[in-house]
């Protein structure tokens, strides 16, 4: 069984994202700085690309952690990710 890991390390988040051709994004029109997402360049009109600086400013000010999975149960590269409150 593959488990998800949690991190707040900016370098780990950026490395994981870029290894999967992702980029930092937020939901358009969201209040309170923005709702963060990882955009894997699949058509989604609700997302807007942002800089890594803006992404991590929102991430840190909202006191979020990044929950992610490296591989699926079948051993393939996983894109599973979620933003959760830091504990």
PDB file of N, CA and C in Angstrom:
ATOM      1  N   UNK A   1       0.832  -1.178   0.000  1.00  0.00           N
ATOM      2  CA  UNK A   1       0.000   0.000   0.000  1.00  0.00           C
ATOM      3  C   UNK A   1       0.882   1.249   0.000  1.00  0.00           C
ATOM      4  N   UNK A   2       0.553   2.217  -0.854  1.00  0.00           N
ATOM      5  CA  UNK A   2       1.298   3.458  -0.945  1.00  0.00           C
ATOM      6  C   UNK A   2       0.679   4.490  -0.022  1.00  0.00           C
ATOM      7  N   UNK A   3       1.515   5.150   0.748  1.00  0.00           N
ATOM      8  CA  UNK A   3       1.003   6.141   1.683  1.00  0.00           C
ATOM      9  C   UNK A   3       1.347   7.545   1.222  1.00  0.00           C
ATOM     10  N   UNK A   4       0.558   8.493   1.686  1.00  0.00           N
ATOM     11  CA  UNK A   4       0.810   9.890   1.389  1.00  0.00           C
ATOM     12  C   UNK A   4       1.742  10.453   2.460  1.00  0.00           C
ATOM     13  N   UNK A   5       2.535  11.425   2.046  1.00  0.00           N
ATOM     14  CA  UNK A   5       3.438  12.099   2.972  1.00  0.00           C
ATOM     15  C   UNK A   5       3.041  13.564   3.060  1.00  0.00           C
ATOM     16  N   UNK A   6       3.486  14.207   4.106  1.00  0.00           N
ATOM     17  CA  UNK A   6       3.148  15.608   4.325  1.00  0.00           C
ATOM     18  C   UNK A   6       4.430  16.411   4.491  1.00  0.00           C
ATOM     19  N   UNK A   7       4.464  17.616   3.906  1.00  0.00           N
ATOM     20  CA  UNK A   7       5.624  18.481   4.045  1.00  0.00           C
ATOM     21  C   UNK A   7       5.207  19.951   4.005  1.00  0.00           C
ATOM     22  N   UNK A   8       6.082  20.784   4.542  1.00  0.00           N
ATOM     23  CA  UNK A   8       5.944  22.234   4.407  1.00  0.00           C
ATOM     24  C   UNK A   8       7.189  22.800   3.718  1.00  0.00           C
ATOM     25  N   UNK A   9       8.103  21.929   3.332  1.00  0.00           N
ATOM     26  CA  UNK A   9       9.360  22.335   2.710  1.00  0.00           C
ATOM     27  C   UNK A   9       9.121  22.818   1.277  1.00  0.00           C
ATOM     28  N   UNK A  10       9.453  24.071   1.026  1.00  0.00           N
ATOM     29  CA  UNK A  10       9.206  24.674  -0.287  1.00  0.00           C
ATOM     30  C   UNK A  10       9.939  23.940  -1.405  1.00  0.00           C
ATOM     31  N   UNK A  11      11.180  23.562  -1.168  1.00  0.00           N
ATOM     32  CA  UNK A  11      11.959  22.871  -2.197  1.00  0.00           C
ATOM     33  C   UNK A  11      11.361  21.512  -2.540  1.00  0.00           C
ATOM     34  N   UNK A  12      10.914  20.779  -1.544  1.00  0.00           N
ATOM     35  CA  UNK A  12      10.297  19.471  -1.787  1.00  0.00           C
ATOM     36  C   UNK A  12       9.016  19.618  -2.609  1.00  0.00           C
ATOM     37  N   UNK A  13       8.223  20.623  -2.280  1.00  0.00           N
ATOM     38  CA  UNK A  13       6.961  20.842  -3.002  1.00  0.00           C
ATOM     39  C   UNK A  13       7.244  21.218  -4.452  1.00  0.00           C
ATOM     40  N   UNK A  14       8.167  22.127  -4.646  1.00  0.00           N
ATOM     41  CA  UNK A  14       8.495  22.569  -6.005  1.00  0.00           C
ATOM     42  C   UNK A  14       9.086  21.422  -6.835  1.00  0.00           C
ATOM     43  N   UNK A  15       9.979  20.661  -6.241  1.00  0.00           N
ATOM     44  CA  UNK A  15      10.606  19.528  -6.937  1.00  0.00           C
ATOM     45  C   UNK A  15       9.554  18.488  -7.346  1.00  0.00           C
ATOM     46  N   UNK A  16       8.656  18.130  -6.422  1.00  0.00           N
ATOM     47  CA  UNK A  16       7.606  17.149  -6.710  1.00  0.00           C
ATOM     48  C   UNK A  16       6.720  17.656  -7.843  1.00  0.00           C
ATOM     49  N   UNK A  17       6.330  18.923  -7.771  1.00  0.00           N
ATOM     50  CA  UNK A  17       5.440  19.522  -8.769  1.00  0.00           C
ATOM     51  C   UNK A  17       6.085  19.555 -10.149  1.00  0.00           C
ATOM     52  N   UNK A  18       7.292  20.057 -10.223  1.00  0.00           N
ATOM     53  CA  UNK A  18       7.969  20.193 -11.515  1.00  0.00           C
ATOM     54  C   UNK A  18       8.329  18.841 -12.126  1.00  0.00           C
ATOM     55  N   UNK A  19       8.559  17.825 -11.305  1.00  0.00           N
ATOM     56  CA  UNK A  19       8.843  16.480 -11.816  1.00  0.00           C
ATOM     57  C   UNK A  19       7.636  15.903 -12.549  1.00  0.00           C
ATOM     58  N   UNK A  20       6.458  16.452 -12.264  1.00  0.00           N
ATOM     59  CA  UNK A  20       5.214  15.991 -12.888  1.00  0.00           C
ATOM     60  C   UNK A  20       4.656  17.019 -13.880  1.00  0.00           C
ATOM     61  N   UNK A  21       5.520  17.921 -14.315  1.00  0.00           N
ATOM     62  CA  UNK A  21       5.167  18.993 -15.255  1.00  0.00           C
ATOM     63  C   UNK A  21       4.055  19.889 -14.726  1.00  0.00           C
ATOM     64  N   UNK A  22       4.000  20.034 -13.421  1.00  0.00           N
ATOM     65  CA  UNK A  22       3.003  20.900 -12.810  1.00  0.00           C
ATOM     66  C   UNK A  22       3.531  22.302 -12.627  1.00  0.00           C
ATOM     67  N   UNK A  23       2.624  23.185 -12.274  1.00  0.00           N
ATOM     68  CA  UNK A  23       2.988  24.574 -12.010  1.00  0.00           C
ATOM     69  C   UNK A  23       2.069  25.118 -10.927  1.00  0.00           C
ATOM     70  N   UNK A  24       2.522  26.131 -10.206  1.00  0.00           N
ATOM     71  CA  UNK A  24       1.703  26.693  -9.128  1.00  0.00           C
ATOM     72  C   UNK A  24       0.518  27.466  -9.698  1.00  0.00           C
ATOM     73  N   UNK A  25      -0.629  27.322  -9.041  1.00  0.00           N
ATOM     74  CA  UNK A  25      -1.841  28.006  -9.512  1.00  0.00           C
ATOM     75  C   UNK A  25      -2.752  28.279  -8.328  1.00  0.00           C
ATOM     76  N   UNK A  26      -3.740  29.132  -8.585  1.00  0.00           N
ATOM     77  CA  UNK A  26      -4.785  29.368  -7.590  1.00  0.00           C
ATOM     78  C   UNK A  26      -6.116  29.448  -8.313  1.00  0.00           C
ATOM     79  N   UNK A  27      -7.177  29.240  -7.577  1.00  0.00           N
ATOM     80  CA  UNK A  27      -8.522  29.299  -8.134  1.00  0.00           C
ATOM     81  C   UNK A  27      -8.855  30.762  -8.406  1.00  0.00           C
ATOM     82  N   UNK A  28      -9.316  31.052  -9.622  1.00  0.00           N
ATOM     83  CA  UNK A  28      -9.680  32.418 -10.000  1.00  0.00           C
ATOM     84  C   UNK A  28     -10.820  32.923  -9.128  1.00  0.00           C
ATOM     85  N   UNK A  29     -10.694  34.173  -8.678  1.00  0.00           N
ATOM     86  CA  UNK A  29     -11.765  34.820  -7.934  1.00  0.00           C
ATOM     87  C   UNK A  29     -11.911  34.397  -6.487  1.00  0.00           C
ATOM     88  N   UNK A  30     -11.048  33.541  -6.005  1.00  0.00           N
ATOM     89  CA  UNK A  30     -11.149  33.095  -4.607  1.00  0.00           C
ATOM     90  C   UNK A  30     -10.714  34.219  -3.679  1.00  0.00           C
ATOM     91  N   UNK A  31     -11.364  34.310  -2.556  1.00  0.00           N
ATOM     92  CA  UNK A  31     -11.035  35.357  -1.585  1.00  0.00           C
ATOM     93  C   UNK A  31      -9.909  34.918  -0.664  1.00  0.00           C
ATOM     94  N   UNK A  32      -9.519  35.781   0.231  1.00  0.00           N
ATOM     95  CA  UNK A  32      -8.506  35.523   1.253  1.00  0.00           C
ATOM     96  C   UNK A  32      -7.172  35.072   0.679  1.00  0.00           C
ATOM     97  N   UNK A  33      -6.699  35.736  -0.348  1.00  0.00           N
ATOM     98  CA  UNK A  33      -5.396  35.417  -0.911  1.00  0.00           C
ATOM     99  C   UNK A  33      -5.433  34.368  -1.997  1.00  0.00           C
ATOM    100  N   UNK A  34      -6.333  33.430  -1.910  1.00  0.00           N
ATOM    101  CA  UNK A  34      -6.450  32.432  -2.958  1.00  0.00           C
ATOM    102  C   UNK A  34      -6.481  31.015  -2.438  1.00  0.00           C
ATOM    103  N   UNK A  35      -7.088  30.164  -3.210  1.00  0.00           N
ATOM    104  CA  UNK A  35      -7.121  28.738  -2.928  1.00  0.00           C
ATOM    105  C   UNK A  35      -6.096  28.099  -3.849  1.00  0.00           C
ATOM    106  N   UNK A  36      -5.089  27.490  -3.259  1.00  0.00           N
ATOM    107  CA  UNK A  36      -3.977  26.950  -4.036  1.00  0.00           C
ATOM    108  C   UNK A  36      -4.323  25.635  -4.722  1.00  0.00           C
ATOM    109  N   UNK A  37      -3.705  25.453  -5.869  1.00  0.00           N
ATOM    110  CA  UNK A  37      -3.809  24.211  -6.631  1.00  0.00           C
ATOM    111  C   UNK A  37      -2.482  23.976  -7.347  1.00  0.00           C
ATOM    112  N   UNK A  38      -2.263  22.744  -7.767  1.00  0.00           N
ATOM    113  CA  UNK A  38      -1.177  22.413  -8.683  1.00  0.00           C
ATOM    114  C   UNK A  38      -1.841  22.186 -10.039  1.00  0.00           C
ATOM    115  N   UNK A  39      -1.391  22.930 -11.037  1.00  0.00           N
ATOM    116  CA  UNK A  39      -1.961  22.833 -12.384  1.00  0.00           C
ATOM    117  C   UNK A  39      -1.058  21.932 -13.215  1.00  0.00           C
ATOM    118  N   UNK A  40      -1.621  20.838 -13.703  1.00  0.00           N
ATOM    119  CA  UNK A  40      -0.861  19.902 -14.528  1.00  0.00           C
ATOM    120  C   UNK A  40      -1.090  20.153 -16.012  1.00  0.00           C
ATOM    121  N   UNK A  41      -1.475  21.394 -16.345  1.00  0.00           N
ATOM    122  CA  UNK A  41      -1.642  21.861 -17.721  1.00  0.00           C
ATOM    123  C   UNK A  41      -2.780  21.173 -18.462  1.00  0.00           C
ATOM    124  N   UNK A  42      -3.720  20.672 -17.691  1.00  0.00           N
ATOM    125  CA  UNK A  42      -4.930  20.134 -18.300  1.00  0.00           C
ATOM    126  C   UNK A  42      -5.941  21.268 -18.303  1.00  0.00           C
ATOM    127  N   UNK A  43      -6.750  21.387 -19.331  1.00  0.00           N
ATOM    128  CA  UNK A  43      -7.660  22.531 -19.430  1.00  0.00           C
ATOM    129  C   UNK A  43      -8.536  22.702 -18.185  1.00  0.00           C
ATOM    130  N   UNK A  44      -8.386  23.862 -17.551  1.00  0.00           N
ATOM    131  CA  UNK A  44      -9.209  24.208 -16.398  1.00  0.00           C
ATOM    132  C   UNK A  44      -9.312  25.724 -16.349  1.00  0.00           C
ATOM    133  N   UNK A  45     -10.434  26.233 -16.787  1.00  0.00           N
ATOM    134  CA  UNK A  45     -10.630  27.677 -16.869  1.00  0.00           C
ATOM    135  C   UNK A  45     -10.718  28.335 -15.504  1.00  0.00           C
ATOM    136  N   UNK A  46     -10.869  27.556 -14.449  1.00  0.00           N
ATOM    137  CA  UNK A  46     -11.002  28.114 -13.102  1.00  0.00           C
ATOM    138  C   UNK A  46      -9.664  28.380 -12.419  1.00  0.00           C
ATOM    139  N   UNK A  47      -8.558  28.003 -13.070  1.00  0.00           N
ATOM    140  CA  UNK A  47      -7.245  28.185 -12.469  1.00  0.00           C
ATOM    141  C   UNK A  47      -6.458  29.275 -13.179  1.00  0.00           C
ATOM    142  N   UNK A  48      -5.656  29.997 -12.397  1.00  0.00           N
ATOM    143  CA  UNK A  48      -4.721  30.945 -12.987  1.00  0.00           C
ATOM    144  C   UNK A  48      -3.330  30.633 -12.464  1.00  0.00           C
ATOM    145  N   UNK A  49      -2.353  30.624 -13.363  1.00  0.00           N
ATOM    146  CA  UNK A  49      -0.981  30.359 -12.980  1.00  0.00           C
ATOM    147  C   UNK A  49      -0.452  31.532 -12.160  1.00  0.00           C
ATOM    148  N   UNK A  50       0.324  31.224 -11.118  1.00  0.00           N
ATOM    149  CA  UNK A  50       0.947  32.241 -10.290  1.00  0.00           C
ATOM    150  C   UNK A  50       2.426  31.896 -10.134  1.00  0.00           C
ATOM    151  N   UNK A  51       3.193  32.842  -9.648  1.00  0.00           N
ATOM    152  CA  UNK A  51       4.621  32.605  -9.419  1.00  0.00           C
ATOM    153  C   UNK A  51       4.810  31.717  -8.192  1.00  0.00           C
ATOM    154  N   UNK A  52       5.974  31.100  -8.132  1.00  0.00           N
ATOM    155  CA  UNK A  52       6.277  30.317  -6.940  1.00  0.00           C
ATOM    156  C   UNK A  52       6.302  31.204  -5.704  1.00  0.00           C
ATOM    157  N   UNK A  53       6.761  32.452  -5.848  1.00  0.00           N
ATOM    158  CA  UNK A  53       6.801  33.371  -4.700  1.00  0.00           C
ATOM    159  C   UNK A  53       5.396  33.620  -4.160  1.00  0.00           C
ATOM    160  N   UNK A  54       4.449  33.936  -5.049  1.00  0.00           N
ATOM    161  CA  UNK A  54       3.069  34.167  -4.609  1.00  0.00           C
ATOM    162  C   UNK A  54       2.475  32.896  -4.009  1.00  0.00           C
ATOM    163  N   UNK A  55       2.739  31.770  -4.640  1.00  0.00           N
ATOM    164  CA  UNK A  55       2.252  30.482  -4.158  1.00  0.00           C
ATOM    165  C   UNK A  55       2.694  30.242  -2.718  1.00  0.00           C
ATOM    166  N   UNK A  56       3.998  30.403  -2.454  1.00  0.00           N
ATOM    167  CA  UNK A  56       4.502  30.124  -1.107  1.00  0.00           C
ATOM    168  C   UNK A  56       4.122  31.211  -0.102  1.00  0.00           C
ATOM    169  N   UNK A  57       3.901  32.442  -0.568  1.00  0.00           N
ATOM    170  CA  UNK A  57       3.386  33.480   0.331  1.00  0.00           C
ATOM    171  C   UNK A  57       2.000  33.090   0.848  1.00  0.00           C
ATOM    172  N   UNK A  58       1.138  32.632  -0.052  1.00  0.00           N
ATOM    173  CA  UNK A  58      -0.206  32.180   0.333  1.00  0.00           C
ATOM    174  C   UNK A  58      -0.112  30.935   1.203  1.00  0.00           C
ATOM    175  N   UNK A  59       0.712  29.993   0.782  1.00  0.00           N
ATOM    176  CA  UNK A  59       0.909  28.726   1.495  1.00  0.00           C
ATOM    177  C   UNK A  59       1.303  28.970   2.957  1.00  0.00           C
ATOM    178  N   UNK A  60       2.294  29.844   3.158  1.00  0.00           N
ATOM    179  CA  UNK A  60       2.784  30.099   4.511  1.00  0.00           C
ATOM    180  C   UNK A  60       1.811  30.944   5.332  1.00  0.00           C
ATOM    181  N   UNK A  61       1.208  31.953   4.721  1.00  0.00           N
ATOM    182  CA  UNK A  61       0.296  32.804   5.484  1.00  0.00           C
ATOM    183  C   UNK A  61      -0.963  32.054   5.906  1.00  0.00           C
ATOM    184  N   UNK A  62      -1.386  31.067   5.110  1.00  0.00           N
ATOM    185  CA  UNK A  62      -2.556  30.253   5.462  1.00  0.00           C
ATOM    186  C   UNK A  62      -2.177  29.075   6.363  1.00  0.00           C
ATOM    187  N   UNK A  63      -0.882  28.931   6.642  1.00  0.00           N
ATOM    188  CA  UNK A  63      -0.366  27.848   7.482  1.00  0.00           C
ATOM    189  C   UNK A  63      -0.811  26.479   6.967  1.00  0.00           C
ATOM    190  N   UNK A  64      -0.494  26.259   5.676  1.00  0.00           N
ATOM    191  CA  UNK A  64      -0.858  25.006   5.029  1.00  0.00           C
ATOM    192  C   UNK A  64       0.308  24.027   5.029  1.00  0.00           C
ATOM    193  N   UNK A  65      -0.008  22.775   4.822  1.00  0.00           N
ATOM    194  CA  UNK A  65       0.959  21.713   4.571  1.00  0.00           C
ATOM    195  C   UNK A  65       0.544  21.035   3.266  1.00  0.00           C
ATOM    196  N   UNK A  66       1.498  20.407   2.612  1.00  0.00           N
ATOM    197  CA  UNK A  66       1.273  19.754   1.327  1.00  0.00           C
ATOM    198  C   UNK A  66       1.268  18.247   1.546  1.00  0.00           C
ATOM    199  N   UNK A  67       0.141  17.617   1.268  1.00  0.00           N
ATOM    200  CA  UNK A  67      -0.013  16.174   1.369  1.00  0.00           C
ATOM    201  C   UNK A  67       0.144  15.622  -0.043  1.00  0.00           C
ATOM    202  N   UNK A  68       1.018  14.640  -0.230  1.00  0.00           N
ATOM    203  CA  UNK A  68       1.300  14.152  -1.580  1.00  0.00           C
ATOM    204  C   UNK A  68       1.680  12.677  -1.572  1.00  0.00           C
ATOM    205  N   UNK A  69       1.633  12.109  -2.750  1.00  0.00           N
ATOM    206  CA  UNK A  69       1.972  10.698  -2.937  1.00  0.00           C
ATOM    207  C   UNK A  69       2.969  10.610  -4.085  1.00  0.00           C
ATOM    208  N   UNK A  70       4.037   9.839  -3.913  1.00  0.00           N
ATOM    209  CA  UNK A  70       5.032   9.684  -4.975  1.00  0.00           C
ATOM    210  C   UNK A  70       4.598   8.694  -6.048  1.00  0.00           C
ATOM    211  N   UNK A  71       4.030   7.557  -5.620  1.00  0.00           N
ATOM    212  CA  UNK A  71       3.637   6.506  -6.552  1.00  0.00           C
ATOM    213  C   UNK A  71       2.251   5.982  -6.220  1.00  0.00           C
ATOM    214  N   UNK A  72       1.569   5.475  -7.243  1.00  0.00           N
ATOM    215  CA  UNK A  72       0.281   4.823  -7.038  1.00  0.00           C
ATOM    216  C   UNK A  72       0.541   3.421  -6.497  1.00  0.00           C
ATOM    217  N   UNK A  73      -0.516   2.737  -6.091  1.00  0.00           N
ATOM    218  CA  UNK A  73      -0.353   1.355  -5.625  1.00  0.00           C
ATOM    219  C   UNK A  73       0.225   0.467  -6.709  1.00  0.00           C
ATOM    220  N   UNK A  74      -0.027   0.816  -7.973  1.00  0.00           N
ATOM    221  CA  UNK A  74       0.507   0.043  -9.094  1.00  0.00           C
ATOM    222  C   UNK A  74       1.936   0.391  -9.454  1.00  0.00           C
ATOM    223  N   UNK A  75       2.544   1.322  -8.706  1.00  0.00           N
ATOM    224  CA  UNK A  75       3.935   1.679  -8.942  1.00  0.00           C
ATOM    225  C   UNK A  75       4.143   2.795  -9.951  1.00  0.00           C
ATOM    226  N   UNK A  76       3.075   3.383 -10.449  1.00  0.00           N
ATOM    227  CA  UNK A  76       3.202   4.482 -11.406  1.00  0.00           C
ATOM    228  C   UNK A  76       3.322   5.807 -10.667  1.00  0.00           C
ATOM    229  N   UNK A  77       3.875   6.795 -11.356  1.00  0.00           N
ATOM    230  CA  UNK A  77       4.004   8.120 -10.765  1.00  0.00           C
ATOM    231  C   UNK A  77       2.627   8.677 -10.414  1.00  0.00           C
ATOM    232  N   UNK A  78       2.494   9.180  -9.200  1.00  0.00           N
ATOM    233  CA  UNK A  78       1.219   9.702  -8.730  1.00  0.00           C
ATOM    234  C   UNK A  78       1.202  11.223  -8.795  1.00  0.00           C
ATOM    235  N   UNK A  79       0.034  11.765  -9.071  1.00  0.00           N
ATOM    236  CA  UNK A  79      -0.178  13.214  -9.022  1.00  0.00           C
ATOM    237  C   UNK A  79      -1.056  13.595  -7.827  1.00  0.00           C
ATOM    238  N   UNK A  80      -1.347  12.631  -6.969  1.00  0.00           N
ATOM    239  CA  UNK A  80      -2.207  12.931  -5.818  1.00  0.00           C
ATOM    240  C   UNK A  80      -1.552  13.994  -4.951  1.00  0.00           C
ATOM    241  N   UNK A  81      -2.304  15.050  -4.677  1.00  0.00           N
ATOM    242  CA  UNK A  81      -1.846  16.083  -3.760  1.00  0.00           C
ATOM    243  C   UNK A  81      -3.038  16.801  -3.164  1.00  0.00           C
ATOM    244  N   UNK A  82      -2.813  17.380  -2.014  1.00  0.00           N
ATOM    245  CA  UNK A  82      -3.880  18.077  -1.301  1.00  0.00           C
ATOM    246  C   UNK A  82      -3.234  19.060  -0.335  1.00  0.00           C
ATOM    247  N   UNK A  83      -3.872  20.189  -0.149  1.00  0.00           N
ATOM    248  CA  UNK A  83      -3.408  21.170   0.826  1.00  0.00           C
ATOM    249  C   UNK A  83      -4.234  21.006   2.087  1.00  0.00           C
ATOM    250  N   UNK A  84      -3.546  20.875   3.211  1.00  0.00           N
ATOM    251  CA  UNK A  84      -4.215  20.658   4.497  1.00  0.00           C
ATOM    252  C   UNK A  84      -3.659  21.643   5.512  1.00  0.00           C
ATOM    253  N   UNK A  85      -4.379  21.826   6.614  1.00  0.00           N
ATOM    254  CA  UNK A  85      -3.893  22.662   7.697  1.00  0.00           C
ATOM    255  C   UNK A  85      -2.680  22.018   8.353  1.00  0.00           C
ATOM    256  N   UNK A  86      -1.728  22.848   8.718  1.00  0.00           N
ATOM    257  CA  UNK A  86      -0.570  22.325   9.469  1.00  0.00           C
ATOM    258  C   UNK A  86      -1.031  21.886  10.846  1.00  0.00           C
ATOM    259  N   UNK A  87      -0.463  20.828  11.315  1.00  0.00           N
ATOM    260  CA  UNK A  87      -0.830  20.332  12.646  1.00  0.00           C
ATOM    261  C   UNK A  87       0.291  20.551  13.614  1.00  0.00           C
TER     262      UNK A  87
END
